[in-house]
Amino acid sequence: MRGFLAMAALALSVSATTSALAQSYTEEVVPNNDTCYRVMYKKQVDLVNPQGVLQQPSSNEFRSNIIYQHGGVARNVYNPAIYLETRTVVSPEYYSMRPTGCPRRLR
């Protein structure tokens, strides 16, 4: 009987302390004032002019390889103009930072 009363007293004291702890429990809330960014890479934009600088103008040429023993060959050849391609940078490459929501983190 004494053991039963001791166990009942112990159970009563444990329940009293847990209810007291439950009443005094507070949760600390930390506001999320962080600002997170997503980094975006922007490529360089070039303006390409395929007919930039003239190197050699177009021309017509008459090529003849006349060998009378094997038959003669004569050709009128057109040589197109030769240009160097030019590039102009419209906007250089850069990184931009776009604000986004921060992922949840444990504190």
C-alpha atoms as a PDB file:
ATOM      1  CA  MET A   1       0.000   0.000   0.000  1.00  0.00           C
ATOM      2  CA  ARG A   2       2.872   2.341   0.794  1.00  0.00           C
ATOM      3  CA  GLY A   3       4.405   1.636  -2.629  1.00  0.00           C
ATOM      4  CA  PHE A   4       1.089   2.419  -4.296  1.00  0.00           C
ATOM      5  CA  LEU A   5       0.810   5.748  -2.465  1.00  0.00           C
ATOM      6  CA  ALA A   6       4.421   6.595  -3.338  1.00  0.00           C
ATOM      7  CA  MET A   7       3.775   5.882  -7.018  1.00  0.00           C
ATOM      8  CA  ALA A   8       0.606   7.983  -6.986  1.00  0.00           C
ATOM      9  CA  ALA A   9       2.451  10.888  -5.367  1.00  0.00           C
ATOM     10  CA  LEU A  10       5.240  10.617  -7.940  1.00  0.00           C
ATOM     11  CA  ALA A  11       2.749  10.587 -10.828  1.00  0.00           C
ATOM     12  CA  LEU A  12       0.955  13.606  -9.391  1.00  0.00           C
ATOM     13  CA  SER A  13       4.204  15.565  -9.058  1.00  0.00           C
ATOM     14  CA  VAL A  14       5.303  14.713 -12.623  1.00  0.00           C
ATOM     15  CA  SER A  15       1.948  15.803 -14.058  1.00  0.00           C
ATOM     16  CA  ALA A  16       2.077  19.028 -12.026  1.00  0.00           C
ATOM     17  CA  THR A  17       5.560  19.889 -13.331  1.00  0.00           C
ATOM     18  CA  THR A  18       4.663  19.108 -16.956  1.00  0.00           C
ATOM     19  CA  SER A  19       1.548  21.252 -16.748  1.00  0.00           C
ATOM     20  CA  ALA A  20       3.629  24.030 -15.207  1.00  0.00           C
ATOM     21  CA  LEU A  21       6.182  23.711 -18.001  1.00  0.00           C
ATOM     22  CA  ALA A  22       3.465  23.752 -20.618  1.00  0.00           C
ATOM     23  CA  GLN A  23       2.061  26.981 -19.265  1.00  0.00           C
ATOM     24  CA  SER A  24       5.428  28.744 -19.230  1.00  0.00           C
ATOM     25  CA  TYR A  25       6.627  27.547 -22.653  1.00  0.00           C
ATOM     26  CA  THR A  26       7.123  30.364 -25.153  1.00  0.00           C
ATOM     27  CA  GLU A  27       8.320  30.155 -28.736  1.00  0.00           C
ATOM     28  CA  GLU A  28      10.849  32.659 -29.962  1.00  0.00           C
ATOM     29  CA  VAL A  29       9.925  33.976 -33.384  1.00  0.00           C
ATOM     30  CA  VAL A  30      12.702  35.594 -35.373  1.00  0.00           C
ATOM     31  CA  PRO A  31      11.506  37.804 -38.218  1.00  0.00           C
ATOM     32  CA  ASN A  32      13.032  37.008 -41.598  1.00  0.00           C
ATOM     33  CA  ASN A  33      14.566  40.322 -42.624  1.00  0.00           C
ATOM     34  CA  ASP A  34      17.042  38.714 -44.994  1.00  0.00           C
ATOM     35  CA  THR A  35      17.113  39.641 -48.639  1.00  0.00           C
ATOM     36  CA  CYS A  36      18.129  36.919 -51.053  1.00  0.00           C
ATOM     37  CA  TYR A  37      19.096  37.408 -54.679  1.00  0.00           C
ATOM     38  CA  ARG A  38      19.171  35.185 -57.732  1.00  0.00           C
ATOM     39  CA  VAL A  39      22.243  35.863 -59.832  1.00  0.00           C
ATOM     40  CA  MET A  40      21.558  36.073 -63.563  1.00  0.00           C
ATOM     41  CA  TYR A  41      24.345  36.039 -66.166  1.00  0.00           C
ATOM     42  CA  LYS A  42      23.724  38.155 -69.247  1.00  0.00           C
ATOM     43  CA  LYS A  43      25.753  37.382 -72.361  1.00  0.00           C
ATOM     44  CA  GLN A  44      27.522  39.966 -74.479  1.00  0.00           C
ATOM     45  CA  VAL A  45      25.461  41.218 -77.419  1.00  0.00           C
ATOM     46  CA  ASP A  46      27.370  41.990 -80.625  1.00  0.00           C
ATOM     47  CA  LEU A  47      26.284  43.643 -83.828  1.00  0.00           C
ATOM     48  CA  VAL A  48      27.848  41.620 -86.658  1.00  0.00           C
ATOM     49  CA  ASN A  49      28.304  43.103 -90.123  1.00  0.00           C
ATOM     50  CA  PRO A  50      29.302  40.335 -92.559  1.00  0.00           C
ATOM     51  CA  GLN A  51      30.229  42.917 -95.227  1.00  0.00           C
ATOM     52  CA  GLY A  52      32.415  45.013 -92.964  1.00  0.00           C
ATOM     53  CA  VAL A  53      35.710  45.882 -94.661  1.00  0.00           C
ATOM     54  CA  LEU A  54      36.285  45.204 -98.353  1.00  0.00           C
ATOM     55  CA  GLN A  55      39.518  43.257 -98.893  1.00  0.00           C
ATOM     56  CA  GLN A  56      39.233  42.417-102.580  1.00  0.00           C
ATOM     57  CA  PRO A  57      36.548  43.611-105.015  1.00  0.00           C
ATOM     58  CA  SER A  58      34.663  41.205-107.253  1.00  0.00           C
ATOM     59  CA  SER A  59      36.158  40.453-110.631  1.00  0.00           C
ATOM     60  CA  ASN A  60      35.632  38.497-113.830  1.00  0.00           C
ATOM     61  CA  GLU A  61      38.467  36.469-115.229  1.00  0.00           C
ATOM     62  CA  PHE A  62      38.922  34.597-118.461  1.00  0.00           C
ATOM     63  CA  ARG A  63      40.907  31.417-117.914  1.00  0.00           C
ATOM     64  CA  SER A  64      42.085  29.481-120.869  1.00  0.00           C
ATOM     65  CA  ASN A  65      44.052  26.305-120.996  1.00  0.00           C
ATOM     66  CA  ILE A  66      44.247  25.722-124.666  1.00  0.00           C
ATOM     67  CA  ILE A  67      46.114  22.617-125.608  1.00  0.00           C
ATOM     68  CA  TYR A  68      45.177  21.737-129.147  1.00  0.00           C
ATOM     69  CA  GLN A  69      46.239  18.116-128.920  1.00  0.00           C
ATOM     70  CA  HIS A  70      43.795  17.229-126.085  1.00  0.00           C
ATOM     71  CA  GLY A  71      41.055  19.746-126.762  1.00  0.00           C
ATOM     72  CA  GLY A  72      40.953  23.282-125.468  1.00  0.00           C
ATOM     73  CA  VAL A  73      39.238  24.515-122.311  1.00  0.00           C
ATOM     74  CA  ALA A  74      38.202  28.124-121.820  1.00  0.00           C
ATOM     75  CA  ARG A  75      36.211  29.429-118.842  1.00  0.00           C
ATOM     76  CA  ASN A  76      34.804  32.777-117.849  1.00  0.00           C
ATOM     77  CA  VAL A  77      35.173  32.863-114.037  1.00  0.00           C
ATOM     78  CA  TYR A  78      33.437  35.203-111.594  1.00  0.00           C
ATOM     79  CA  ASN A  79      35.358  35.908-108.368  1.00  0.00           C
ATOM     80  CA  PRO A  80      33.099  37.286-105.612  1.00  0.00           C
ATOM     81  CA  ALA A  81      34.196  40.127-103.382  1.00  0.00           C
ATOM     82  CA  ILE A  82      36.048  39.273-100.161  1.00  0.00           C
ATOM     83  CA  TYR A  83      35.045  41.084 -96.968  1.00  0.00           C
ATOM     84  CA  LEU A  84      36.293  41.028 -93.392  1.00  0.00           C
ATOM     85  CA  GLU A  85      33.521  40.599 -90.859  1.00  0.00           C
ATOM     86  CA  THR A  86      33.277  43.379 -88.271  1.00  0.00           C
ATOM     87  CA  ARG A  87      31.774  43.171 -84.777  1.00  0.00           C
ATOM     88  CA  THR A  88      30.538  46.005 -82.590  1.00  0.00           C
ATOM     89  CA  VAL A  89      29.712  45.397 -78.936  1.00  0.00           C
ATOM     90  CA  VAL A  90      26.149  46.576 -78.230  1.00  0.00           C
ATOM     91  CA  SER A  91      26.117  45.588 -74.541  1.00  0.00           C
ATOM     92  CA  PRO A  92      28.943  43.887 -72.618  1.00  0.00           C
ATOM     93  CA  GLU A  93      28.475  40.779 -70.505  1.00  0.00           C
ATOM     94  CA  TYR A  94      27.386  41.333 -66.904  1.00  0.00           C
ATOM     95  CA  TYR A  95      25.744  39.767 -63.867  1.00  0.00           C
ATOM     96  CA  SER A  96      22.431  41.036 -62.521  1.00  0.00           C
ATOM     97  CA  MET A  97      20.945  40.285 -59.116  1.00  0.00           C
ATOM     98  CA  ARG A  98      17.183  39.715 -58.992  1.00  0.00           C
ATOM     99  CA  PRO A  99      15.603  39.831 -55.487  1.00  0.00           C
ATOM    100  CA  THR A 100      13.774  36.616 -54.583  1.00  0.00           C
ATOM    101  CA  GLY A 101      12.278  35.021 -51.509  1.00  0.00           C
ATOM    102  CA  CYS A 102      14.727  33.408 -49.129  1.00  0.00           C
ATOM    103  CA  PRO A 103      14.525  29.709 -48.403  1.00  0.00           C
ATOM    104  CA  ARG A 104      13.448  28.759 -44.908  1.00  0.00           C
ATOM    105  CA  ARG A 105      16.346  28.229 -42.588  1.00  0.00           C
ATOM    106  CA  LEU A 106      16.635  26.949 -39.084  1.00  0.00           C
ATOM    107  CA  ARG A 107      17.855  29.298 -36.386  1.00  0.00           C
END
